[in-house]
N, C-alpha and C. Protein backbone atom coordinates (compact mmCIF):
# COMPACT_ATOMS: atom_id res chain seq x y z
N UNK A 1 0.81 -1.21 -0.01
CA UNK A 1 0.06 0.08 -0.10
C UNK A 1 0.95 1.19 0.06
N UNK A 2 1.81 1.20 0.79
CA UNK A 2 2.96 2.47 0.90
C UNK A 2 3.53 2.58 -0.38
N UNK A 3 3.84 1.63 -0.87
CA UNK A 3 4.65 1.68 -2.26
C UNK A 3 4.00 2.22 -3.37
N UNK A 4 2.60 1.85 -3.41
CA UNK A 4 1.83 2.49 -4.31
C UNK A 4 1.59 4.06 -4.34
N UNK A 5 1.47 4.38 -2.84
CA UNK A 5 1.21 5.79 -2.54
C UNK A 5 2.47 6.61 -3.19
N UNK A 6 3.76 6.02 -2.76
CA UNK A 6 4.87 6.54 -3.11
C UNK A 6 5.01 6.80 -4.70
N UNK A 7 4.79 5.62 -5.40
CA UNK A 7 4.88 5.65 -6.86
C UNK A 7 4.00 6.63 -7.61
N UNK A 8 2.78 6.72 -6.85
CA UNK A 8 1.78 7.86 -7.30
C UNK A 8 2.34 9.23 -7.20
N UNK A 9 2.92 9.49 -6.00
CA UNK A 9 3.58 10.83 -5.55
C UNK A 9 4.55 10.96 -6.62
N UNK A 10 5.50 10.21 -6.94
CA UNK A 10 6.65 10.20 -7.86
C UNK A 10 6.18 10.62 -9.21
N UNK A 11 5.13 9.95 -9.72
CA UNK A 11 4.80 10.07 -11.11
C UNK A 11 3.90 11.48 -11.19
N UNK A 12 3.15 11.89 -10.21
CA UNK A 12 2.58 13.25 -10.14
C UNK A 12 3.74 14.35 -10.22
N UNK A 13 4.64 14.13 -9.39
CA UNK A 13 5.80 15.12 -9.29
C UNK A 13 6.42 15.32 -10.74
N UNK A 14 6.81 14.10 -11.28
CA UNK A 14 7.30 14.00 -12.64
C UNK A 14 6.48 14.70 -13.84
N UNK A 15 5.16 14.45 -13.57
CA UNK A 15 4.28 15.03 -14.63
C UNK A 15 4.17 16.58 -14.46
N UNK A 16 4.26 16.95 -13.27
CA UNK A 16 4.34 18.54 -12.84
C UNK A 16 5.60 19.07 -13.41
N UNK A 17 6.57 18.45 -13.27
CA UNK A 17 7.93 18.97 -13.69
C UNK A 17 7.92 19.16 -15.16
N UNK A 18 7.34 17.82 -15.91
CA UNK A 18 7.27 17.99 -17.25
C UNK A 18 6.32 19.05 -17.79
N UNK A 19 5.30 19.32 -17.23
CA UNK A 19 4.50 20.26 -17.70
C UNK A 19 5.06 21.86 -17.50
N UNK A 20 5.75 21.88 -16.42
CA UNK A 20 6.49 23.23 -15.96
C UNK A 20 7.53 23.39 -17.16
N UNK A 21 8.23 22.52 -17.49
CA UNK A 21 9.36 22.52 -18.57
C UNK A 21 8.73 22.90 -19.73
N UNK A 22 7.72 22.33 -20.18
CA UNK A 22 6.82 22.64 -21.49
C UNK A 22 6.39 24.10 -21.55
N UNK A 23 5.87 24.68 -20.40
CA UNK A 23 5.63 26.14 -20.30
C UNK A 23 6.55 26.89 -20.26
N UNK A 24 7.79 26.76 -19.73
CA UNK A 24 8.89 27.63 -19.97
C UNK A 24 9.48 27.28 -21.22
N UNK A 25 9.61 26.35 -21.93
CA UNK A 25 10.01 26.18 -23.30
C UNK A 25 9.10 26.96 -24.32
N UNK A 26 8.02 27.18 -24.10
CA UNK A 26 6.94 27.91 -24.81
C UNK A 26 6.99 29.19 -24.65
N UNK A 27 7.52 29.78 -23.55
CA UNK A 27 7.66 31.17 -23.31
C UNK A 27 6.27 31.62 -22.56
N UNK A 28 5.70 30.65 -21.81
CA UNK A 28 4.48 31.01 -21.14
C UNK A 28 4.73 32.12 -19.93
N UNK A 29 5.92 32.01 -19.43
CA UNK A 29 6.27 32.93 -18.20
C UNK A 29 6.33 34.40 -18.75
N UNK A 30 6.44 34.51 -20.00
CA UNK A 30 6.66 35.90 -20.43
C UNK A 30 5.19 36.62 -20.56
N UNK A 31 4.28 35.86 -20.86
CA UNK A 31 2.65 36.15 -21.09
C UNK A 31 2.36 36.36 -19.60
N UNK A 32 2.75 35.52 -18.68
CA UNK A 32 2.10 35.53 -17.27
C UNK A 32 2.76 36.91 -16.60
N UNK A 33 4.12 37.13 -16.80
CA UNK A 33 4.62 38.31 -16.36
C UNK A 33 4.28 39.68 -16.83
N UNK A 34 3.87 39.69 -18.03
CA UNK A 34 3.40 40.62 -18.58
C UNK A 34 1.78 41.13 -18.16
N UNK A 35 1.04 40.08 -18.06
CA UNK A 35 -0.24 40.37 -17.21
C UNK A 35 -0.17 40.87 -16.08
N UNK A 36 0.90 40.21 -15.23
CA UNK A 36 0.92 40.67 -13.75
C UNK A 36 1.50 42.19 -13.69
N UNK A 37 2.46 42.46 -14.73
CA UNK A 37 2.73 43.87 -14.52
C UNK A 37 1.65 44.84 -14.92
N UNK A 38 0.62 44.57 -15.75
CA UNK A 38 -0.20 45.27 -16.13
C UNK A 38 -1.39 45.44 -15.01
N UNK A 39 -1.64 44.41 -14.62
CA UNK A 39 -2.52 44.42 -13.32
C UNK A 39 -1.96 45.31 -12.14
N UNK A 40 -0.69 45.08 -11.86
CA UNK A 40 -0.11 46.00 -10.92
C UNK A 40 -0.14 47.27 -11.15
N UNK A 41 0.21 47.71 -12.41
CA UNK A 41 0.11 49.03 -12.68
C UNK A 41 -1.20 49.61 -12.63
N UNK A 42 -2.27 48.99 -13.16
CA UNK A 42 -3.56 49.45 -12.86
C UNK A 42 -4.07 49.55 -11.36
N UNK A 43 -3.48 48.79 -10.56
CA UNK A 43 -3.78 48.77 -9.10
C UNK A 43 -3.36 50.04 -8.44
N UNK A 44 -2.11 50.32 -8.97
CA UNK A 44 -1.58 51.71 -8.28
C UNK A 44 -1.71 52.76 -9.05
N UNK A 45 -2.61 52.61 -10.06
CA UNK A 45 -2.99 53.91 -10.73
C UNK A 45 -2.09 54.47 -11.83
N UNK A 46 -1.00 53.79 -12.28
CA UNK A 46 -0.08 54.29 -13.19
C UNK A 46 -0.53 53.84 -14.72
N UNK A 47 -0.97 52.49 -14.76
CA UNK A 47 -1.39 52.10 -16.12
C UNK A 47 -2.73 52.40 -16.62
């Protein structure tokens, strides 16, 4: 039982890292950062 849980955890962690790497490779962080900057600028009244 414990071994199955550990395997599931490792599989999910590997899947998460794979998805993170795919997002970085596609430049997804640039889109997210751009949106975050725009939202912050609007909140403080600059943008």
